[in-house]
Amino acid sequence: IELKFFDRNEMGIIQVIDNGEGVPEKLVDKIFEPFFTSKPFGEGTGLGLSLCRSMAHSMHGNIEYKREQGLTIFELSLSLVD
């Protein structure tokens, strides 16, 4: 796992990067939905990424999933200006 921190257009960016398999393409559109989980029944609530996105939005930011050059990237962006 690699962490990167930088700024882009008055936004602070935090990237969490790994070289794992990533999210299966058929699930990408669902991963930020409340109560969605790819884990077996009873092993996950499906709230983690949904709560992360909600908190990011409340701070005028965003979180998104990317797949680039075989790497899995979750990118959190938060406003650096009020």
PDB file of N, CA and C in Angstrom:
ATOM      1  N   ILE A   1       0.857  -1.178   0.000  1.00  0.00           N
ATOM      2  CA  ILE A   1       0.000   0.000   0.000  1.00  0.00           C
ATOM      3  C   ILE A   1       0.894   1.228   0.000  1.00  0.00           C
ATOM      4  N   GLU A   2       0.468   2.203  -0.778  1.00  0.00           N
ATOM      5  CA  GLU A   2       1.196   3.466  -0.874  1.00  0.00           C
ATOM      6  C   GLU A   2       0.212   4.603  -0.601  1.00  0.00           C
ATOM      7  N   LEU A   3       0.655   5.615   0.109  1.00  0.00           N
ATOM      8  CA  LEU A   3      -0.148   6.811   0.358  1.00  0.00           C
ATOM      9  C   LEU A   3       0.511   7.991  -0.330  1.00  0.00           C
ATOM     10  N   LYS A   4      -0.297   8.808  -0.992  1.00  0.00           N
ATOM     11  CA  LYS A   4       0.205  10.032  -1.612  1.00  0.00           C
ATOM     12  C   LYS A   4      -0.640  11.195  -1.129  1.00  0.00           C
ATOM     13  N   PHE A   5       0.016  12.317  -0.891  1.00  0.00           N
ATOM     14  CA  PHE A   5      -0.643  13.541  -0.460  1.00  0.00           C
ATOM     15  C   PHE A   5      -0.171  14.673  -1.366  1.00  0.00           C
ATOM     16  N   PHE A   6      -1.117  15.438  -1.915  1.00  0.00           N
ATOM     17  CA  PHE A   6      -0.754  16.582  -2.751  1.00  0.00           C
ATOM     18  C   PHE A   6      -1.968  17.498  -2.871  1.00  0.00           C
ATOM     19  N   ASP A   7      -1.778  18.643  -3.522  1.00  0.00           N
ATOM     20  CA  ASP A   7      -2.916  19.540  -3.735  1.00  0.00           C
ATOM     21  C   ASP A   7      -3.136  19.722  -5.227  1.00  0.00           C
ATOM     22  N   ARG A   8      -4.416  19.968  -5.560  1.00  0.00           N
ATOM     23  CA  ARG A   8      -4.834  20.159  -6.947  1.00  0.00           C
ATOM     24  C   ARG A   8      -6.019  21.106  -6.939  1.00  0.00           C
ATOM     25  N   ASN A   9      -5.871  22.264  -7.547  1.00  0.00           N
ATOM     26  CA  ASN A   9      -6.981  23.221  -7.699  1.00  0.00           C
ATOM     27  C   ASN A   9      -7.679  23.516  -6.379  1.00  0.00           C
ATOM     28  N   GLU A  10      -6.928  23.909  -5.374  1.00  0.00           N
ATOM     29  CA  GLU A  10      -7.445  24.268  -4.048  1.00  0.00           C
ATOM     30  C   GLU A  10      -8.092  23.100  -3.311  1.00  0.00           C
ATOM     31  N   MET A  11      -7.738  21.892  -3.705  1.00  0.00           N
ATOM     32  CA  MET A  11      -8.215  20.690  -3.029  1.00  0.00           C
ATOM     33  C   MET A  11      -7.005  19.918  -2.505  1.00  0.00           C
ATOM     34  N   GLY A  12      -7.112  19.432  -1.271  1.00  0.00           N
ATOM     35  CA  GLY A  12      -6.115  18.527  -0.740  1.00  0.00           C
ATOM     36  C   GLY A  12      -6.489  17.111  -1.167  1.00  0.00           C
ATOM     37  N   ILE A  13      -5.521  16.384  -1.696  1.00  0.00           N
ATOM     38  CA  ILE A  13      -5.780  15.053  -2.236  1.00  0.00           C
ATOM     39  C   ILE A  13      -5.011  14.023  -1.419  1.00  0.00           C
ATOM     40  N   ILE A  14      -5.708  12.977  -1.006  1.00  0.00           N
ATOM     41  CA  ILE A  14      -5.085  11.825  -0.350  1.00  0.00           C
ATOM     42  C   ILE A  14      -5.425  10.618  -1.205  1.00  0.00           C
ATOM     43  N   GLN A  15      -4.397   9.919  -1.664  1.00  0.00           N
ATOM     44  CA  GLN A  15      -4.608   8.703  -2.439  1.00  0.00           C
ATOM     45  C   GLN A  15      -4.098   7.498  -1.649  1.00  0.00           C
ATOM     46  N   VAL A  16      -4.912   6.463  -1.598  1.00  0.00           N
ATOM     47  CA  VAL A  16      -4.511   5.173  -1.047  1.00  0.00           C
ATOM     48  C   VAL A  16      -4.418   4.235  -2.254  1.00  0.00           C
ATOM     49  N   ILE A  17      -3.220   3.726  -2.493  1.00  0.00           N
ATOM     50  CA  ILE A  17      -2.932   2.978  -3.710  1.00  0.00           C
ATOM     51  C   ILE A  17      -2.432   1.587  -3.345  1.00  0.00           C
ATOM     52  N   ASP A  18      -2.945   0.575  -4.023  1.00  0.00           N
ATOM     53  CA  ASP A  18      -2.347  -0.757  -3.877  1.00  0.00           C
ATOM     54  C   ASP A  18      -2.398  -1.498  -5.207  1.00  0.00           C
ATOM     55  N   ASN A  19      -1.681  -2.590  -5.274  1.00  0.00           N
ATOM     56  CA  ASN A  19      -1.596  -3.347  -6.516  1.00  0.00           C
ATOM     57  C   ASN A  19      -2.449  -4.611  -6.471  1.00  0.00           C
ATOM     58  N   GLY A  20      -3.482  -4.581  -5.629  1.00  0.00           N
ATOM     59  CA  GLY A  20      -4.384  -5.723  -5.518  1.00  0.00           C
ATOM     60  C   GLY A  20      -5.274  -5.864  -6.738  1.00  0.00           C
ATOM     61  N   GLU A  21      -6.160  -6.811  -6.677  1.00  0.00           N
ATOM     62  CA  GLU A  21      -7.050  -7.125  -7.801  1.00  0.00           C
ATOM     63  C   GLU A  21      -8.032  -6.008  -8.123  1.00  0.00           C
ATOM     64  N   GLY A  22      -8.311  -5.156  -7.172  1.00  0.00           N
ATOM     65  CA  GLY A  22      -9.269  -4.091  -7.407  1.00  0.00           C
ATOM     66  C   GLY A  22     -10.697  -4.577  -7.241  1.00  0.00           C
ATOM     67  N   VAL A  23     -11.617  -3.709  -7.534  1.00  0.00           N
ATOM     68  CA  VAL A  23     -13.046  -4.009  -7.434  1.00  0.00           C
ATOM     69  C   VAL A  23     -13.488  -4.608  -8.766  1.00  0.00           C
ATOM     70  N   PRO A  24     -14.191  -5.732  -8.745  1.00  0.00           N
ATOM     71  CA  PRO A  24     -14.692  -6.292 -10.011  1.00  0.00           C
ATOM     72  C   PRO A  24     -15.524  -5.251 -10.763  1.00  0.00           C
ATOM     73  N   GLU A  25     -15.304  -5.168 -12.054  1.00  0.00           N
ATOM     74  CA  GLU A  25     -15.942  -4.142 -12.886  1.00  0.00           C
ATOM     75  C   GLU A  25     -17.457  -4.078 -12.695  1.00  0.00           C
ATOM     76  N   LYS A  26     -18.102  -5.221 -12.521  1.00  0.00           N
ATOM     77  CA  LYS A  26     -19.565  -5.249 -12.388  1.00  0.00           C
ATOM     78  C   LYS A  26     -20.038  -4.647 -11.066  1.00  0.00           C
ATOM     79  N   LEU A  27     -19.128  -4.434 -10.101  1.00  0.00           N
ATOM     80  CA  LEU A  27     -19.498  -3.881  -8.792  1.00  0.00           C
ATOM     81  C   LEU A  27     -19.128  -2.416  -8.614  1.00  0.00           C
ATOM     82  N   VAL A  28     -18.313  -1.877  -9.506  1.00  0.00           N
ATOM     83  CA  VAL A  28     -17.786  -0.517  -9.333  1.00  0.00           C
ATOM     84  C   VAL A  28     -18.883   0.516  -9.116  1.00  0.00           C
ATOM     85  N   ASP A  29     -19.979   0.429  -9.852  1.00  0.00           N
ATOM     86  CA  ASP A  29     -21.054   1.427  -9.732  1.00  0.00           C
ATOM     87  C   ASP A  29     -21.825   1.317  -8.425  1.00  0.00           C
ATOM     88  N   LYS A  30     -21.613   0.250  -7.655  1.00  0.00           N
ATOM     89  CA  LYS A  30     -22.387   0.012  -6.434  1.00  0.00           C
ATOM     90  C   LYS A  30     -21.607   0.243  -5.146  1.00  0.00           C
ATOM     91  N   ILE A  31     -20.283   0.339  -5.201  1.00  0.00           N
ATOM     92  CA  ILE A  31     -19.481   0.282  -3.969  1.00  0.00           C
ATOM     93  C   ILE A  31     -19.727   1.419  -2.985  1.00  0.00           C
ATOM     94  N   PHE A  32     -20.243   2.540  -3.445  1.00  0.00           N
ATOM     95  CA  PHE A  32     -20.515   3.662  -2.547  1.00  0.00           C
ATOM     96  C   PHE A  32     -21.982   3.713  -2.090  1.00  0.00           C
ATOM     97  N   GLU A  33     -22.786   2.737  -2.510  1.00  0.00           N
ATOM     98  CA  GLU A  33     -24.191   2.690  -2.104  1.00  0.00           C
ATOM     99  C   GLU A  33     -24.312   2.181  -0.672  1.00  0.00           C
ATOM    100  N   PRO A  34     -25.197   2.816   0.124  1.00  0.00           N
ATOM    101  CA  PRO A  34     -25.403   2.321   1.494  1.00  0.00           C
ATOM    102  C   PRO A  34     -25.878   0.870   1.498  1.00  0.00           C
ATOM    103  N   PHE A  35     -25.314   0.096   2.384  1.00  0.00           N
ATOM    104  CA  PHE A  35     -25.663  -1.309   2.630  1.00  0.00           C
ATOM    105  C   PHE A  35     -25.228  -2.267   1.524  1.00  0.00           C
ATOM    106  N   PHE A  36     -24.477  -1.782   0.537  1.00  0.00           N
ATOM    107  CA  PHE A  36     -23.939  -2.709  -0.456  1.00  0.00           C
ATOM    108  C   PHE A  36     -22.657  -3.328   0.090  1.00  0.00           C
ATOM    109  N   THR A  37     -22.542  -4.632   0.016  1.00  0.00           N
ATOM    110  CA  THR A  37     -21.316  -5.321   0.402  1.00  0.00           C
ATOM    111  C   THR A  37     -21.083  -6.490  -0.531  1.00  0.00           C
ATOM    112  N   SER A  38     -19.831  -6.767  -0.778  1.00  0.00           N
ATOM    113  CA  SER A  38     -19.477  -7.929  -1.593  1.00  0.00           C
ATOM    114  C   SER A  38     -19.107  -9.111  -0.699  1.00  0.00           C
ATOM    115  N   LYS A  39     -19.169  -8.882   0.598  1.00  0.00           N
ATOM    116  CA  LYS A  39     -18.836  -9.941   1.561  1.00  0.00           C
ATOM    117  C   LYS A  39     -20.032 -10.880   1.753  1.00  0.00           C
ATOM    118  N   PRO A  40     -19.768 -12.080   2.247  1.00  0.00           N
ATOM    119  CA  PRO A  40     -20.875 -13.014   2.523  1.00  0.00           C
ATOM    120  C   PRO A  40     -21.843 -12.427   3.555  1.00  0.00           C
ATOM    121  N   PHE A  41     -23.078 -12.881   3.502  1.00  0.00           N
ATOM    122  CA  PHE A  41     -24.119 -12.409   4.417  1.00  0.00           C
ATOM    123  C   PHE A  41     -23.641 -12.488   5.862  1.00  0.00           C
ATOM    124  N   GLY A  42     -23.833 -11.404   6.606  1.00  0.00           N
ATOM    125  CA  GLY A  42     -23.471 -11.356   8.016  1.00  0.00           C
ATOM    126  C   GLY A  42     -22.035 -10.943   8.283  1.00  0.00           C
ATOM    127  N   GLU A  43     -21.241 -10.693   7.235  1.00  0.00           N
ATOM    128  CA  GLU A  43     -19.836 -10.340   7.444  1.00  0.00           C
ATOM    129  C   GLU A  43     -19.512  -8.897   7.113  1.00  0.00           C
ATOM    130  N   GLY A  44     -20.482  -8.121   6.794  1.00  0.00           N
ATOM    131  CA  GLY A  44     -20.229  -6.717   6.494  1.00  0.00           C
ATOM    132  C   GLY A  44     -21.534  -5.950   6.444  1.00  0.00           C
ATOM    133  N   THR A  45     -21.501  -4.698   6.864  1.00  0.00           N
ATOM    134  CA  THR A  45     -22.721  -3.898   6.851  1.00  0.00           C
ATOM    135  C   THR A  45     -22.905  -3.139   5.544  1.00  0.00           C
ATOM    136  N   GLY A  46     -21.813  -2.941   4.793  1.00  0.00           N
ATOM    137  CA  GLY A  46     -21.911  -2.185   3.556  1.00  0.00           C
ATOM    138  C   GLY A  46     -22.048  -0.696   3.775  1.00  0.00           C
ATOM    139  N   LEU A  47     -21.573  -0.209   4.912  1.00  0.00           N
ATOM    140  CA  LEU A  47     -21.698   1.218   5.200  1.00  0.00           C
ATOM    141  C   LEU A  47     -20.380   1.986   5.113  1.00  0.00           C
ATOM    142  N   GLY A  48     -19.254   1.301   5.091  1.00  0.00           N
ATOM    143  CA  GLY A  48     -17.950   1.963   5.164  1.00  0.00           C
ATOM    144  C   GLY A  48     -17.727   3.012   4.092  1.00  0.00           C
ATOM    145  N   LEU A  49     -17.787   2.621   2.837  1.00  0.00           N
ATOM    146  CA  LEU A  49     -17.524   3.575   1.762  1.00  0.00           C
ATOM    147  C   LEU A  49     -18.644   4.599   1.628  1.00  0.00           C
ATOM    148  N   SER A  50     -19.871   4.189   1.904  1.00  0.00           N
ATOM    149  CA  SER A  50     -20.997   5.122   1.866  1.00  0.00           C
ATOM    150  C   SER A  50     -20.807   6.236   2.907  1.00  0.00           C
ATOM    151  N   LEU A  51     -20.409   5.864   4.110  1.00  0.00           N
ATOM    152  CA  LEU A  51     -20.163   6.865   5.159  1.00  0.00           C
ATOM    153  C   LEU A  51     -18.974   7.752   4.803  1.00  0.00           C
ATOM    154  N   CYS A  52     -17.933   7.178   4.244  1.00  0.00           N
ATOM    155  CA  CYS A  52     -16.771   7.973   3.823  1.00  0.00           C
ATOM    156  C   CYS A  52     -17.183   9.033   2.807  1.00  0.00           C
ATOM    157  N   ARG A  53     -17.984   8.628   1.816  1.00  0.00           N
ATOM    158  CA  ARG A  53     -18.420   9.587   0.797  1.00  0.00           C
ATOM    159  C   ARG A  53     -19.316  10.666   1.407  1.00  0.00           C
ATOM    160  N   SER A  54     -20.209  10.273   2.302  1.00  0.00           N
ATOM    161  CA  SER A  54     -21.094  11.239   2.949  1.00  0.00           C
ATOM    162  C   SER A  54     -20.289  12.262   3.757  1.00  0.00           C
ATOM    163  N   MET A  55     -19.301  11.782   4.518  1.00  0.00           N
ATOM    164  CA  MET A  55     -18.462  12.698   5.299  1.00  0.00           C
ATOM    165  C   MET A  55     -17.641  13.609   4.392  1.00  0.00           C
ATOM    166  N   ALA A  56     -17.099  13.059   3.314  1.00  0.00           N
ATOM    167  CA  ALA A  56     -16.335  13.877   2.374  1.00  0.00           C
ATOM    168  C   ALA A  56     -17.217  14.963   1.772  1.00  0.00           C
ATOM    169  N   HIS A  57     -18.436  14.600   1.368  1.00  0.00           N
ATOM    170  CA  HIS A  57     -19.358  15.588   0.795  1.00  0.00           C
ATOM    171  C   HIS A  57     -19.715  16.673   1.806  1.00  0.00           C
ATOM    172  N   SER A  58     -19.857  16.299   3.075  1.00  0.00           N
ATOM    173  CA  SER A  58     -20.201  17.294   4.096  1.00  0.00           C
ATOM    174  C   SER A  58     -19.068  18.302   4.304  1.00  0.00           C
ATOM    175  N   MET A  59     -17.858  17.944   3.863  1.00  0.00           N
ATOM    176  CA  MET A  59     -16.703  18.850   3.967  1.00  0.00           C
ATOM    177  C   MET A  59     -16.319  19.396   2.589  1.00  0.00           C
ATOM    178  N   HIS A  60     -17.297  19.411   1.671  1.00  0.00           N
ATOM    179  CA  HIS A  60     -17.126  19.936   0.311  1.00  0.00           C
ATOM    180  C   HIS A  60     -16.047  19.185  -0.457  1.00  0.00           C
ATOM    181  N   GLY A  61     -15.996  17.884  -0.249  1.00  0.00           N
ATOM    182  CA  GLY A  61     -15.025  17.049  -0.936  1.00  0.00           C
ATOM    183  C   GLY A  61     -15.686  15.862  -1.598  1.00  0.00           C
ATOM    184  N   ASN A  62     -14.876  14.860  -1.899  1.00  0.00           N
ATOM    185  CA  ASN A  62     -15.381  13.671  -2.569  1.00  0.00           C
ATOM    186  C   ASN A  62     -14.404  12.515  -2.347  1.00  0.00           C
ATOM    187  N   ILE A  63     -14.883  11.324  -2.532  1.00  0.00           N
ATOM    188  CA  ILE A  63     -14.026  10.142  -2.568  1.00  0.00           C
ATOM    189  C   ILE A  63     -14.433   9.351  -3.788  1.00  0.00           C
ATOM    190  N   GLU A  64     -13.436   8.853  -4.502  1.00  0.00           N
ATOM    191  CA  GLU A  64     -13.739   8.069  -5.690  1.00  0.00           C
ATOM    192  C   GLU A  64     -12.762   6.914  -5.844  1.00  0.00           C
ATOM    193  N   TYR A  65     -13.212   5.932  -6.596  1.00  0.00           N
ATOM    194  CA  TYR A  65     -12.425   4.740  -6.895  1.00  0.00           C
ATOM    195  C   TYR A  65     -11.878   4.877  -8.307  1.00  0.00           C
ATOM    196  N   LYS A  66     -10.600   4.522  -8.460  1.00  0.00           N
ATOM    197  CA  LYS A  66      -9.971   4.546  -9.782  1.00  0.00           C
ATOM    198  C   LYS A  66      -9.154   3.280  -9.966  1.00  0.00           C
ATOM    199  N   ARG A  67      -9.008   2.878 -11.187  1.00  0.00           N
ATOM    200  CA  ARG A  67      -8.126   1.755 -11.529  1.00  0.00           C
ATOM    201  C   ARG A  67      -7.223   2.259 -12.639  1.00  0.00           C
ATOM    202  N   GLU A  68      -5.927   2.389 -12.354  1.00  0.00           N
ATOM    203  CA  GLU A  68      -4.984   2.944 -13.326  1.00  0.00           C
ATOM    204  C   GLU A  68      -3.726   2.094 -13.370  1.00  0.00           C
ATOM    205  N   GLN A  69      -3.339   1.694 -14.546  1.00  0.00           N
ATOM    206  CA  GLN A  69      -2.101   0.939 -14.774  1.00  0.00           C
ATOM    207  C   GLN A  69      -1.953  -0.241 -13.814  1.00  0.00           C
ATOM    208  N   GLY A  70      -3.053  -0.969 -13.615  1.00  0.00           N
ATOM    209  CA  GLY A  70      -3.034  -2.139 -12.750  1.00  0.00           C
ATOM    210  C   GLY A  70      -3.064  -1.838 -11.266  1.00  0.00           C
ATOM    211  N   LEU A  71      -3.237  -0.570 -10.904  1.00  0.00           N
ATOM    212  CA  LEU A  71      -3.281  -0.168  -9.495  1.00  0.00           C
ATOM    213  C   LEU A  71      -4.698   0.199  -9.083  1.00  0.00           C
ATOM    214  N   THR A  72      -5.039  -0.113  -7.854  1.00  0.00           N
ATOM    215  CA  THR A  72      -6.315   0.270  -7.258  1.00  0.00           C
ATOM    216  C   THR A  72      -6.080   1.547  -6.469  1.00  0.00           C
ATOM    217  N   ILE A  73      -6.895   2.564  -6.725  1.00  0.00           N
ATOM    218  CA  ILE A  73      -6.700   3.863  -6.081  1.00  0.00           C
ATOM    219  C   ILE A  73      -8.031   4.350  -5.513  1.00  0.00           C
ATOM    220  N   PHE A  74      -8.025   4.670  -4.226  1.00  0.00           N
ATOM    221  CA  PHE A  74      -9.128   5.417  -3.638  1.00  0.00           C
ATOM    222  C   PHE A  74      -8.582   6.808  -3.390  1.00  0.00           C
ATOM    223  N   GLU A  75      -9.269   7.817  -3.959  1.00  0.00           N
ATOM    224  CA  GLU A  75      -8.803   9.190  -3.875  1.00  0.00           C
ATOM    225  C   GLU A  75      -9.802  10.039  -3.107  1.00  0.00           C
ATOM    226  N   LEU A  76      -9.337  10.606  -2.000  1.00  0.00           N
ATOM    227  CA  LEU A  76     -10.139  11.517  -1.181  1.00  0.00           C
ATOM    228  C   LEU A  76      -9.688  12.929  -1.473  1.00  0.00           C
ATOM    229  N   SER A  77     -10.622  13.791  -1.828  1.00  0.00           N
ATOM    230  CA  SER A  77     -10.309  15.197  -2.062  1.00  0.00           C
ATOM    231  C   SER A  77     -11.125  16.053  -1.102  1.00  0.00           C
ATOM    232  N   LEU A  78     -10.446  16.993  -0.467  1.00  0.00           N
ATOM    233  CA  LEU A  78     -11.080  17.899   0.493  1.00  0.00           C
ATOM    234  C   LEU A  78     -10.661  19.325   0.185  1.00  0.00           C
ATOM    235  N   SER A  79     -11.582  20.242   0.333  1.00  0.00           N
ATOM    236  CA  SER A  79     -11.315  21.641   0.038  1.00  0.00           C
ATOM    237  C   SER A  79     -10.256  22.198   0.986  1.00  0.00           C
ATOM    238  N   LEU A  80      -9.303  22.949   0.415  1.00  0.00           N
ATOM    239  CA  LEU A  80      -8.279  23.605   1.225  1.00  0.00           C
ATOM    240  C   LEU A  80      -8.686  25.030   1.589  1.00  0.00           C
ATOM    241  N   VAL A  81      -9.766  25.517   0.987  1.00  0.00           N
ATOM    242  CA  VAL A  81     -10.251  26.863   1.268  1.00  0.00           C
ATOM    243  C   VAL A  81     -11.664  26.778   1.816  1.00  0.00           C
ATOM    244  N   ASP A  82     -12.009  27.727   2.643  1.00  0.00           N
ATOM    245  CA  ASP A  82     -13.332  27.725   3.272  1.00  0.00           C
ATOM    246  C   ASP A  82     -14.323  28.515   2.485  1.00  0.00           C
TER     247      ASP A  82
END
